[in-house]
Amino acid sequence: MKRPMSRRRAERRGRTGEGRAALWLQMKGWRILERRRRTPAGEIDLIAKHGNTIAFVEVKWRNSAAELDHAIDEHRLRRVAAAAEAVAHEYATRNEDIRIDVVLLAPGTFPRHIVNAWQP
């Protein structure tokens, strides 16, 4: 039987995943503008910029690649979109394109970057 993960351990794992996702995005040419941005609508894991695009990035870390297929759903994406909407004006100050991306991570796999994951 699977034991529930402690809140502290889950927090550590989340921070590790966000750090790895940030590093991976930076290696792809993205500049990380902010990490763990809190808004009244929720938290945004990463805010990144590449060229004329600002991405509000949800990061999910799972123990296996098989679990990644179920790591993100419409409810989570809607929450990130609401949080991004609350602060987008602070980052997209020069008519940049904005979008919601997802980075999925698991041990032994390359990060999976889902571009423009939220399209209402």
Protein backbone atom coordinates (compact mmCIF):
# COMPACT_ATOMS: atom_id res chain seq x y z
CA MET A 1 0.00 0.00 0.00
CA LYS A 2 1.28 3.43 -0.95
CA ARG A 3 1.92 5.77 2.01
CA PRO A 4 0.93 9.41 1.68
CA MET A 5 3.86 11.73 1.23
CA SER A 6 4.49 14.23 3.99
CA ARG A 7 3.77 17.84 3.11
CA ARG A 8 7.39 18.82 3.79
CA ARG A 9 8.73 16.07 1.56
CA ALA A 10 6.29 16.99 -1.22
CA GLU A 11 7.40 20.63 -0.91
CA ARG A 12 11.07 19.63 -1.22
CA ARG A 13 10.33 17.44 -4.22
CA GLY A 14 8.39 20.27 -5.86
CA ARG A 15 11.22 22.73 -5.34
CA THR A 16 13.70 20.24 -6.78
CA GLY A 17 11.51 19.74 -9.85
CA GLU A 18 11.09 23.48 -10.32
CA GLY A 19 14.85 23.98 -10.08
CA ARG A 20 15.50 21.30 -12.68
CA ALA A 21 12.82 22.69 -14.97
CA ALA A 22 14.28 26.20 -14.65
CA LEU A 23 17.76 24.94 -15.48
CA TRP A 24 16.46 22.99 -18.47
CA LEU A 25 14.55 26.02 -19.78
CA GLN A 26 17.64 28.20 -19.34
CA MET A 27 19.67 25.71 -21.38
CA LYS A 28 17.02 26.13 -24.11
CA GLY A 29 17.50 29.92 -24.11
CA TRP A 30 14.76 30.97 -21.70
CA ARG A 31 15.36 33.59 -19.02
CA ILE A 32 13.67 32.85 -15.70
CA LEU A 33 11.90 35.99 -14.52
CA GLU A 34 10.44 34.60 -11.33
CA ARG A 35 9.96 31.41 -9.34
CA ARG A 36 6.98 30.51 -7.19
CA ARG A 37 5.01 33.67 -7.85
CA ARG A 38 2.06 33.83 -5.49
CA THR A 39 -1.14 35.53 -6.62
CA PRO A 40 -4.64 35.73 -5.14
CA ALA A 41 -5.65 33.04 -7.67
CA GLY A 42 -2.80 30.64 -6.85
CA GLU A 43 0.89 30.07 -7.39
CA ILE A 44 2.82 30.07 -10.66
CA ASP A 45 5.84 27.76 -10.51
CA LEU A 46 7.99 29.61 -13.07
CA ILE A 47 7.65 32.70 -15.20
CA ALA A 48 10.05 32.66 -18.13
CA LYS A 49 10.82 34.75 -21.19
CA HIS A 50 12.22 33.77 -24.58
CA GLY A 51 12.24 36.33 -27.35
CA ASN A 52 8.81 37.94 -27.47
CA THR A 53 7.12 35.23 -25.38
CA ILE A 54 6.33 35.16 -21.68
CA ALA A 55 5.48 31.67 -20.40
CA PHE A 56 3.73 30.97 -17.12
CA VAL A 57 5.01 27.48 -16.41
CA GLU A 58 3.45 24.73 -14.31
CA VAL A 59 6.03 22.14 -13.26
CA LYS A 60 5.11 18.58 -12.32
CA TRP A 61 7.56 16.02 -10.92
CA ARG A 62 6.52 12.38 -10.68
CA ASN A 63 8.32 9.22 -9.55
CA SER A 64 7.97 7.51 -12.93
CA ALA A 65 7.50 8.45 -16.55
CA ALA A 66 4.20 6.52 -16.60
CA GLU A 67 2.78 8.85 -13.93
CA LEU A 68 3.49 11.92 -16.07
CA ASP A 69 0.56 11.19 -18.38
CA HIS A 70 -1.81 11.97 -15.51
CA ALA A 71 0.15 14.77 -13.81
CA ILE A 72 -1.74 17.69 -15.33
CA ASP A 73 -5.43 18.20 -15.88
CA GLU A 74 -7.85 20.94 -16.87
CA HIS A 75 -8.45 21.98 -13.26
CA ARG A 76 -4.74 22.62 -12.62
CA LEU A 77 -4.31 24.43 -15.92
CA ARG A 78 -7.32 26.63 -15.22
CA ARG A 79 -5.78 27.58 -11.85
CA VAL A 80 -2.46 28.51 -13.48
CA ALA A 81 -4.28 30.49 -16.17
CA ALA A 82 -6.19 32.45 -13.52
CA ALA A 83 -2.98 33.16 -11.61
CA ALA A 84 -1.23 34.23 -14.83
CA GLU A 85 -4.10 36.52 -15.73
CA ALA A 86 -3.75 38.24 -12.36
CA VAL A 87 -0.10 39.21 -12.96
CA ALA A 88 0.47 39.07 -16.74
CA HIS A 89 0.41 42.87 -17.00
CA GLU A 90 3.52 42.99 -14.78
CA TYR A 91 5.57 40.85 -17.18
CA ALA A 92 4.13 41.47 -20.64
CA THR A 93 4.89 45.18 -20.71
CA ARG A 94 5.87 45.41 -24.39
CA ASN A 95 3.07 43.49 -26.09
CA GLU A 96 4.79 40.14 -25.63
CA ASP A 97 2.85 36.98 -26.37
CA ILE A 98 1.80 35.16 -23.23
CA ARG A 99 1.02 31.50 -22.79
CA ILE A 100 0.71 28.69 -20.26
CA ASP A 101 3.34 25.95 -20.57
CA VAL A 102 3.91 22.76 -18.61
CA VAL A 103 7.18 21.00 -17.88
CA LEU A 104 6.87 17.36 -16.80
CA LEU A 105 9.79 15.64 -15.06
CA ALA A 106 10.53 12.12 -13.82
CA PRO A 107 13.75 10.31 -12.91
CA GLY A 108 15.62 8.93 -15.89
CA THR A 109 13.68 10.94 -18.47
CA PHE A 110 14.26 14.14 -20.37
CA PRO A 111 11.92 16.96 -19.40
CA ARG A 112 8.74 17.08 -21.46
CA HIS A 113 7.83 20.67 -22.36
CA ILE A 114 4.20 21.13 -23.34
CA VAL A 115 4.00 24.44 -25.16
CA ASN A 116 0.78 26.49 -24.91
CA ALA A 117 -0.92 23.82 -22.81
CA TRP A 118 -3.94 25.99 -21.96
CA GLN A 119 -6.17 27.10 -24.79
CA PRO A 120 -9.62 27.98 -23.42
